[in-house]
Amino acid sequence: MSALAVDHEPGFGWDDLVRIWTETDAPKGCKVEIIEGIVTVSPPPSCDHSLAASRVNRRLLAVIPEDWHVFQMQEAAVPSRSGLFIPDLMVVAEEDRPAPGDLFPASRAKLVVEITSSGNANHDRIAKAHGYAQAGVPLYLLLDPWHSGRPTATLYGDPQGGTYRVLESVEYGDKLTLPAPFDLTLDTATFPVS
């Protein structure tokens, strides 16, 4: 099932988009995001999707400092790209929490992980990659079981001007290494293939 866009008048400002986002009444478990100025609703992730996220989450928890956290279903705001994303996983430091009631700025994330779904994979591949790069998120890990030909894992880094450099890309079955401060090798053979 693919994402559903919520129709709204063109020219809405950031505050208007956030208001629509907060007022969107989506079924339980669905992701409500703002992608390139459009409020979207995606269905809950599949079991395979959740399993891949769980496996990465466990590995991250083993290597991050005690005062860092791995969040799921936490918004990551990128107002400059009219984006408010809900990454599958986001690593943040305790000290970078926003004030109560404020949105979490994507710029404060240490790492963001997105796992593509069949209906909205291009959001993760294109719009979110540009958004996270624009925000200056140092590392973006894209797990793409829906990549044409063969599932891939791609690590992006060195964000400049809204664009990432590919640090490493492997087909599922190979290993991918997250650099410092993580120093973590992920065995992509453990990720389910959709």
C-alpha atoms as a PDB file:
ATOM      1  CA  MET A   1       0.000   0.000   0.000  1.00  0.00           C
ATOM      2  CA  SER A   2       1.327   3.439  -0.881  1.00  0.00           C
ATOM      3  CA  ALA A   3       1.285   6.737   0.960  1.00  0.00           C
ATOM      4  CA  LEU A   4      -1.772   9.002   0.802  1.00  0.00           C
ATOM      5  CA  ALA A   5      -1.256  12.739   0.312  1.00  0.00           C
ATOM      6  CA  VAL A   6      -3.434  15.121   2.309  1.00  0.00           C
ATOM      7  CA  ASP A   7      -4.746  17.865   0.036  1.00  0.00           C
ATOM      8  CA  HIS A   8      -4.275  21.454   1.147  1.00  0.00           C
ATOM      9  CA  GLU A   9      -4.134  24.872  -0.464  1.00  0.00           C
ATOM     10  CA  PRO A  10      -0.868  25.742  -2.242  1.00  0.00           C
ATOM     11  CA  GLY A  11       1.351  28.322  -0.623  1.00  0.00           C
ATOM     12  CA  PHE A  12       0.892  27.161   2.934  1.00  0.00           C
ATOM     13  CA  GLY A  13       3.690  28.286   5.222  1.00  0.00           C
ATOM     14  CA  TRP A  14       5.643  26.089   7.602  1.00  0.00           C
ATOM     15  CA  ASP A  15       3.377  26.815  10.580  1.00  0.00           C
ATOM     16  CA  ASP A  16       0.290  25.965   8.493  1.00  0.00           C
ATOM     17  CA  LEU A  17       1.832  22.668   7.374  1.00  0.00           C
ATOM     18  CA  VAL A  18       2.738  21.734  10.951  1.00  0.00           C
ATOM     19  CA  ARG A  19      -0.808  22.569  12.080  1.00  0.00           C
ATOM     20  CA  ILE A  20      -2.261  20.320   9.351  1.00  0.00           C
ATOM     21  CA  TRP A  21       0.258  17.612  10.345  1.00  0.00           C
ATOM     22  CA  THR A  22      -0.763  17.759  14.007  1.00  0.00           C
ATOM     23  CA  GLU A  23      -4.473  17.752  13.132  1.00  0.00           C
ATOM     24  CA  THR A  24      -4.306  14.848  10.667  1.00  0.00           C
ATOM     25  CA  ASP A  25      -6.354  11.986  12.078  1.00  0.00           C
ATOM     26  CA  ALA A  26      -4.614   8.881  10.760  1.00  0.00           C
ATOM     27  CA  PRO A  27      -5.275   5.272  11.750  1.00  0.00           C
ATOM     28  CA  LYS A  28      -3.162   3.921  14.595  1.00  0.00           C
ATOM     29  CA  GLY A  29       0.347   2.937  13.545  1.00  0.00           C
ATOM     30  CA  CYS A  30       0.371   5.057  10.385  1.00  0.00           C
ATOM     31  CA  LYS A  31       3.145   7.567   9.739  1.00  0.00           C
ATOM     32  CA  VAL A  32       2.055  11.139   9.106  1.00  0.00           C
ATOM     33  CA  GLU A  33       4.867  13.150   7.531  1.00  0.00           C
ATOM     34  CA  ILE A  34       5.409  16.343   5.575  1.00  0.00           C
ATOM     35  CA  ILE A  35       7.405  15.581   2.446  1.00  0.00           C
ATOM     36  CA  GLU A  36       8.286  18.514   0.199  1.00  0.00           C
ATOM     37  CA  GLY A  37       5.394  20.532   1.578  1.00  0.00           C
ATOM     38  CA  ILE A  38       2.781  17.770   1.267  1.00  0.00           C
ATOM     39  CA  VAL A  39       1.287  16.046   4.298  1.00  0.00           C
ATOM     40  CA  THR A  40       1.389  12.286   3.654  1.00  0.00           C
ATOM     41  CA  VAL A  41      -0.020   9.302   5.517  1.00  0.00           C
ATOM     42  CA  SER A  42       1.724   5.939   5.143  1.00  0.00           C
ATOM     43  CA  PRO A  43       0.416   2.597   6.388  1.00  0.00           C
ATOM     44  CA  PRO A  44       2.091   0.830   9.313  1.00  0.00           C
ATOM     45  CA  PRO A  45       5.351  -0.913   8.390  1.00  0.00           C
ATOM     46  CA  SER A  46       5.406  -4.577   7.454  1.00  0.00           C
ATOM     47  CA  CYS A  47       6.826  -7.213   9.763  1.00  0.00           C
ATOM     48  CA  ASP A  48       9.978  -7.472   7.606  1.00  0.00           C
ATOM     49  CA  HIS A  49      10.404  -3.690   7.770  1.00  0.00           C
ATOM     50  CA  SER A  50      10.098  -3.731  11.571  1.00  0.00           C
ATOM     51  CA  LEU A  51      12.459  -6.683  11.851  1.00  0.00           C
ATOM     52  CA  ALA A  52      15.192  -4.855   9.918  1.00  0.00           C
ATOM     53  CA  ALA A  53      14.714  -1.774  12.132  1.00  0.00           C
ATOM     54  CA  SER A  54      14.899  -3.924  15.264  1.00  0.00           C
ATOM     55  CA  ARG A  55      18.143  -5.546  14.149  1.00  0.00           C
ATOM     56  CA  VAL A  56      19.813  -2.201  13.422  1.00  0.00           C
ATOM     57  CA  ASN A  57      18.455  -0.791  16.696  1.00  0.00           C
ATOM     58  CA  ARG A  58      20.040  -3.609  18.737  1.00  0.00           C
ATOM     59  CA  ARG A  59      23.395  -3.136  17.079  1.00  0.00           C
ATOM     60  CA  LEU A  60      23.325   0.632  17.628  1.00  0.00           C
ATOM     61  CA  LEU A  61      22.421   0.312  21.313  1.00  0.00           C
ATOM     62  CA  ALA A  62      25.521  -1.817  21.822  1.00  0.00           C
ATOM     63  CA  VAL A  63      27.896   0.921  20.603  1.00  0.00           C
ATOM     64  CA  ILE A  64      26.425   4.344  21.369  1.00  0.00           C
ATOM     65  CA  PRO A  65      27.309   6.331  24.513  1.00  0.00           C
ATOM     66  CA  GLU A  66      25.007   6.005  27.525  1.00  0.00           C
ATOM     67  CA  ASP A  67      23.641   9.525  27.021  1.00  0.00           C
ATOM     68  CA  TRP A  68      22.649   8.866  23.385  1.00  0.00           C
ATOM     69  CA  HIS A  69      19.354   7.305  22.365  1.00  0.00           C
ATOM     70  CA  VAL A  70      17.840   5.480  19.404  1.00  0.00           C
ATOM     71  CA  PHE A  71      14.390   6.903  18.716  1.00  0.00           C
ATOM     72  CA  GLN A  72      11.617   5.374  16.647  1.00  0.00           C
ATOM     73  CA  MET A  73       8.589   7.369  15.498  1.00  0.00           C
ATOM     74  CA  GLN A  74      10.239  10.680  16.474  1.00  0.00           C
ATOM     75  CA  GLU A  75       9.682  13.596  14.133  1.00  0.00           C
ATOM     76  CA  ALA A  76      12.679  15.186  12.446  1.00  0.00           C
ATOM     77  CA  ALA A  77      11.879  18.701  11.248  1.00  0.00           C
ATOM     78  CA  VAL A  78      13.535  20.229   8.187  1.00  0.00           C
ATOM     79  CA  PRO A  79      11.607  23.496   7.694  1.00  0.00           C
ATOM     80  CA  SER A  80      13.997  24.713   4.964  1.00  0.00           C
ATOM     81  CA  ARG A  81      12.799  21.787   2.787  1.00  0.00           C
ATOM     82  CA  SER A  82       9.167  21.890   3.980  1.00  0.00           C
ATOM     83  CA  GLY A  83       9.816  18.502   5.547  1.00  0.00           C
ATOM     84  CA  LEU A  84       8.811  16.823   8.749  1.00  0.00           C
ATOM     85  CA  PHE A  85       9.923  13.218   8.567  1.00  0.00           C
ATOM     86  CA  ILE A  86       9.390  10.246  10.860  1.00  0.00           C
ATOM     87  CA  PRO A  87      12.567   8.190  10.362  1.00  0.00           C
ATOM     88  CA  ASP A  88      12.560   4.482  11.161  1.00  0.00           C
ATOM     89  CA  LEU A  89      15.463   5.098  13.566  1.00  0.00           C
ATOM     90  CA  MET A  90      17.225   8.249  14.676  1.00  0.00           C
ATOM     91  CA  VAL A  91      20.245   8.454  16.973  1.00  0.00           C
ATOM     92  CA  VAL A  92      20.327  11.563  19.151  1.00  0.00           C
ATOM     93  CA  ALA A  93      22.239  12.827  22.162  1.00  0.00           C
ATOM     94  CA  GLU A  94      20.359  13.511  25.381  1.00  0.00           C
ATOM     95  CA  GLU A  95      21.689  17.091  25.403  1.00  0.00           C
ATOM     96  CA  ASP A  96      20.160  17.805  21.982  1.00  0.00           C
ATOM     97  CA  ARG A  97      16.543  17.347  23.033  1.00  0.00           C
ATOM     98  CA  PRO A  98      14.354  20.305  22.076  1.00  0.00           C
ATOM     99  CA  ALA A  99      12.354  22.304  24.594  1.00  0.00           C
ATOM    100  CA  PRO A 100       9.019  20.741  25.573  1.00  0.00           C
ATOM    101  CA  GLY A 101       6.448  21.315  22.828  1.00  0.00           C
ATOM    102  CA  ASP A 102       9.060  22.085  20.156  1.00  0.00           C
ATOM    103  CA  LEU A 103       9.614  19.886  17.115  1.00  0.00           C
ATOM    104  CA  PHE A 104      12.835  17.874  17.024  1.00  0.00           C
ATOM    105  CA  PRO A 105      15.212  19.521  14.518  1.00  0.00           C
ATOM    106  CA  ALA A 106      16.690  16.936  12.139  1.00  0.00           C
ATOM    107  CA  SER A 107      19.950  18.883  12.376  1.00  0.00           C
ATOM    108  CA  ARG A 108      20.487  17.474  15.877  1.00  0.00           C
ATOM    109  CA  ALA A 109      20.476  13.822  14.764  1.00  0.00           C
ATOM    110  CA  LYS A 110      23.761  11.923  14.714  1.00  0.00           C
ATOM    111  CA  LEU A 111      22.402   9.247  12.357  1.00  0.00           C
ATOM    112  CA  VAL A 112      19.098   8.654  10.603  1.00  0.00           C
ATOM    113  CA  VAL A 113      17.987   5.257   9.287  1.00  0.00           C
ATOM    114  CA  GLU A 114      15.203   4.844   6.736  1.00  0.00           C
ATOM    115  CA  ILE A 115      13.922   1.533   5.394  1.00  0.00           C
ATOM    116  CA  THR A 116      12.030   1.719   2.122  1.00  0.00           C
ATOM    117  CA  SER A 117       8.524   0.402   1.659  1.00  0.00           C
ATOM    118  CA  SER A 118       7.122  -0.638  -1.698  1.00  0.00           C
ATOM    119  CA  GLY A 119       4.677   2.243  -2.045  1.00  0.00           C
ATOM    120  CA  ASN A 120       6.860   5.177  -1.046  1.00  0.00           C
ATOM    121  CA  ALA A 121      10.487   4.134  -1.535  1.00  0.00           C
ATOM    122  CA  ASN A 122      11.289   7.228  -3.599  1.00  0.00           C
ATOM    123  CA  HIS A 123      10.496   9.477  -0.637  1.00  0.00           C
ATOM    124  CA  ASP A 124      13.347   7.797   1.283  1.00  0.00           C
ATOM    125  CA  ARG A 125      15.669   7.665  -1.731  1.00  0.00           C
ATOM    126  CA  ILE A 126      15.224  11.245  -2.902  1.00  0.00           C
ATOM    127  CA  ALA A 127      13.195  13.739  -0.840  1.00  0.00           C
ATOM    128  CA  LYS A 128      14.328  12.554   2.581  1.00  0.00           C
ATOM    129  CA  ALA A 129      17.947  12.139   1.473  1.00  0.00           C
ATOM    130  CA  HIS A 130      17.982  15.767   0.325  1.00  0.00           C
ATOM    131  CA  GLY A 131      16.142  16.906   3.450  1.00  0.00           C
ATOM    132  CA  TYR A 132      18.500  15.177   5.872  1.00  0.00           C
ATOM    133  CA  ALA A 133      21.501  16.461   3.908  1.00  0.00           C
ATOM    134  CA  GLN A 134      20.078  20.005   3.941  1.00  0.00           C
ATOM    135  CA  ALA A 135      19.680  19.719   7.717  1.00  0.00           C
ATOM    136  CA  GLY A 136      23.293  18.576   8.050  1.00  0.00           C
ATOM    137  CA  VAL A 137      22.591  15.117   9.490  1.00  0.00           C
ATOM    138  CA  PRO A 138      26.111  13.613   9.365  1.00  0.00           C
ATOM    139  CA  LEU A 139      25.085  10.051   8.430  1.00  0.00           C
ATOM    140  CA  TYR A 140      22.043   8.693   6.599  1.00  0.00           C
ATOM    141  CA  LEU A 141      21.638   4.918   6.292  1.00  0.00           C
ATOM    142  CA  LEU A 142      19.149   3.809   3.651  1.00  0.00           C
ATOM    143  CA  LEU A 143      18.078   0.178   3.734  1.00  0.00           C
ATOM    144  CA  ASP A 144      16.360  -0.490   0.431  1.00  0.00           C
ATOM    145  CA  PRO A 145      14.847  -3.967   0.108  1.00  0.00           C
ATOM    146  CA  TRP A 146      12.801  -2.601  -2.833  1.00  0.00           C
ATOM    147  CA  HIS A 147      15.811  -1.457  -4.873  1.00  0.00           C
ATOM    148  CA  SER A 148      15.378  -2.628  -8.446  1.00  0.00           C
ATOM    149  CA  GLY A 149      17.468  -5.651  -9.184  1.00  0.00           C
ATOM    150  CA  ARG A 150      18.769  -6.416  -5.718  1.00  0.00           C
ATOM    151  CA  PRO A 151      18.166  -5.053  -2.205  1.00  0.00           C
ATOM    152  CA  THR A 152      20.851  -2.609  -1.095  1.00  0.00           C
ATOM    153  CA  ALA A 153      22.128  -0.792   1.966  1.00  0.00           C
ATOM    154  CA  THR A 154      23.632   2.630   1.311  1.00  0.00           C
ATOM    155  CA  LEU A 155      25.420   4.870   3.780  1.00  0.00           C
ATOM    156  CA  TYR A 156      25.458   8.569   2.943  1.00  0.00           C
ATOM    157  CA  GLY A 157      27.629  11.187   4.626  1.00  0.00           C
ATOM    158  CA  ASP A 158      29.498  14.480   4.200  1.00  0.00           C
ATOM    159  CA  PRO A 159      26.360  16.573   3.607  1.00  0.00           C
ATOM    160  CA  GLN A 160      27.011  19.728   1.585  1.00  0.00           C
ATOM    161  CA  GLY A 161      24.496  21.993  -0.102  1.00  0.00           C
ATOM    162  CA  GLY A 162      21.582  19.609   0.431  1.00  0.00           C
ATOM    163  CA  THR A 163      23.414  16.653  -1.078  1.00  0.00           C
ATOM    164  CA  TYR A 164      25.176  13.650   0.415  1.00  0.00           C
ATOM    165  CA  ARG A 165      28.181  11.740  -0.785  1.00  0.00           C
ATOM    166  CA  VAL A 166      27.790   7.947  -0.935  1.00  0.00           C
ATOM    167  CA  LEU A 167      30.217   6.570   1.649  1.00  0.00           C
ATOM    168  CA  GLU A 168      29.417   2.909   1.006  1.00  0.00           C
ATOM    169  CA  SER A 169      26.780   0.900  -0.833  1.00  0.00           C
ATOM    170  CA  VAL A 170      26.414  -2.867  -0.632  1.00  0.00           C
ATOM    171  CA  GLU A 171      23.945  -5.484  -1.771  1.00  0.00           C
ATOM    172  CA  TYR A 172      22.117  -7.353   0.971  1.00  0.00           C
ATOM    173  CA  GLY A 173      24.345 -10.211   2.010  1.00  0.00           C
ATOM    174  CA  ASP A 174      27.462  -8.054   2.323  1.00  0.00           C
ATOM    175  CA  LYS A 175      28.719  -6.050   5.291  1.00  0.00           C
ATOM    176  CA  LEU A 176      28.489  -2.277   5.659  1.00  0.00           C
ATOM    177  CA  THR A 177      30.504  -0.249   8.167  1.00  0.00           C
ATOM    178  CA  LEU A 178      29.291   2.833  10.009  1.00  0.00           C
ATOM    179  CA  PRO A 179      32.288   5.089  10.765  1.00  0.00           C
ATOM    180  CA  ALA A 180      33.130   6.823  14.052  1.00  0.00           C
ATOM    181  CA  PRO A 181      31.532   7.594  16.382  1.00  0.00           C
ATOM    182  CA  PHE A 182      29.714   4.289  15.756  1.00  0.00           C
ATOM    183  CA  ASP A 183      32.512   2.034  14.457  1.00  0.00           C
ATOM    184  CA  LEU A 184      29.901  -0.606  13.719  1.00  0.00           C
ATOM    185  CA  THR A 185      29.772  -3.262  11.021  1.00  0.00           C
ATOM    186  CA  LEU A 186      26.275  -4.329   9.962  1.00  0.00           C
ATOM    187  CA  ASP A 187      25.777  -7.718   8.337  1.00  0.00           C
ATOM    188  CA  THR A 188      23.050  -7.014   5.793  1.00  0.00           C
ATOM    189  CA  ALA A 189      22.517 -10.751   5.311  1.00  0.00           C
ATOM    190  CA  THR A 190      20.381 -10.557   8.481  1.00  0.00           C
ATOM    191  CA  PHE A 191      17.916  -8.103   6.892  1.00  0.00           C
ATOM    192  CA  PRO A 192      14.750  -9.607   5.404  1.00  0.00           C
ATOM    193  CA  VAL A 193      14.219  -9.294   1.677  1.00  0.00           C
ATOM    194  CA  SER A 194      10.715  -8.158   0.769  1.00  0.00           C
END
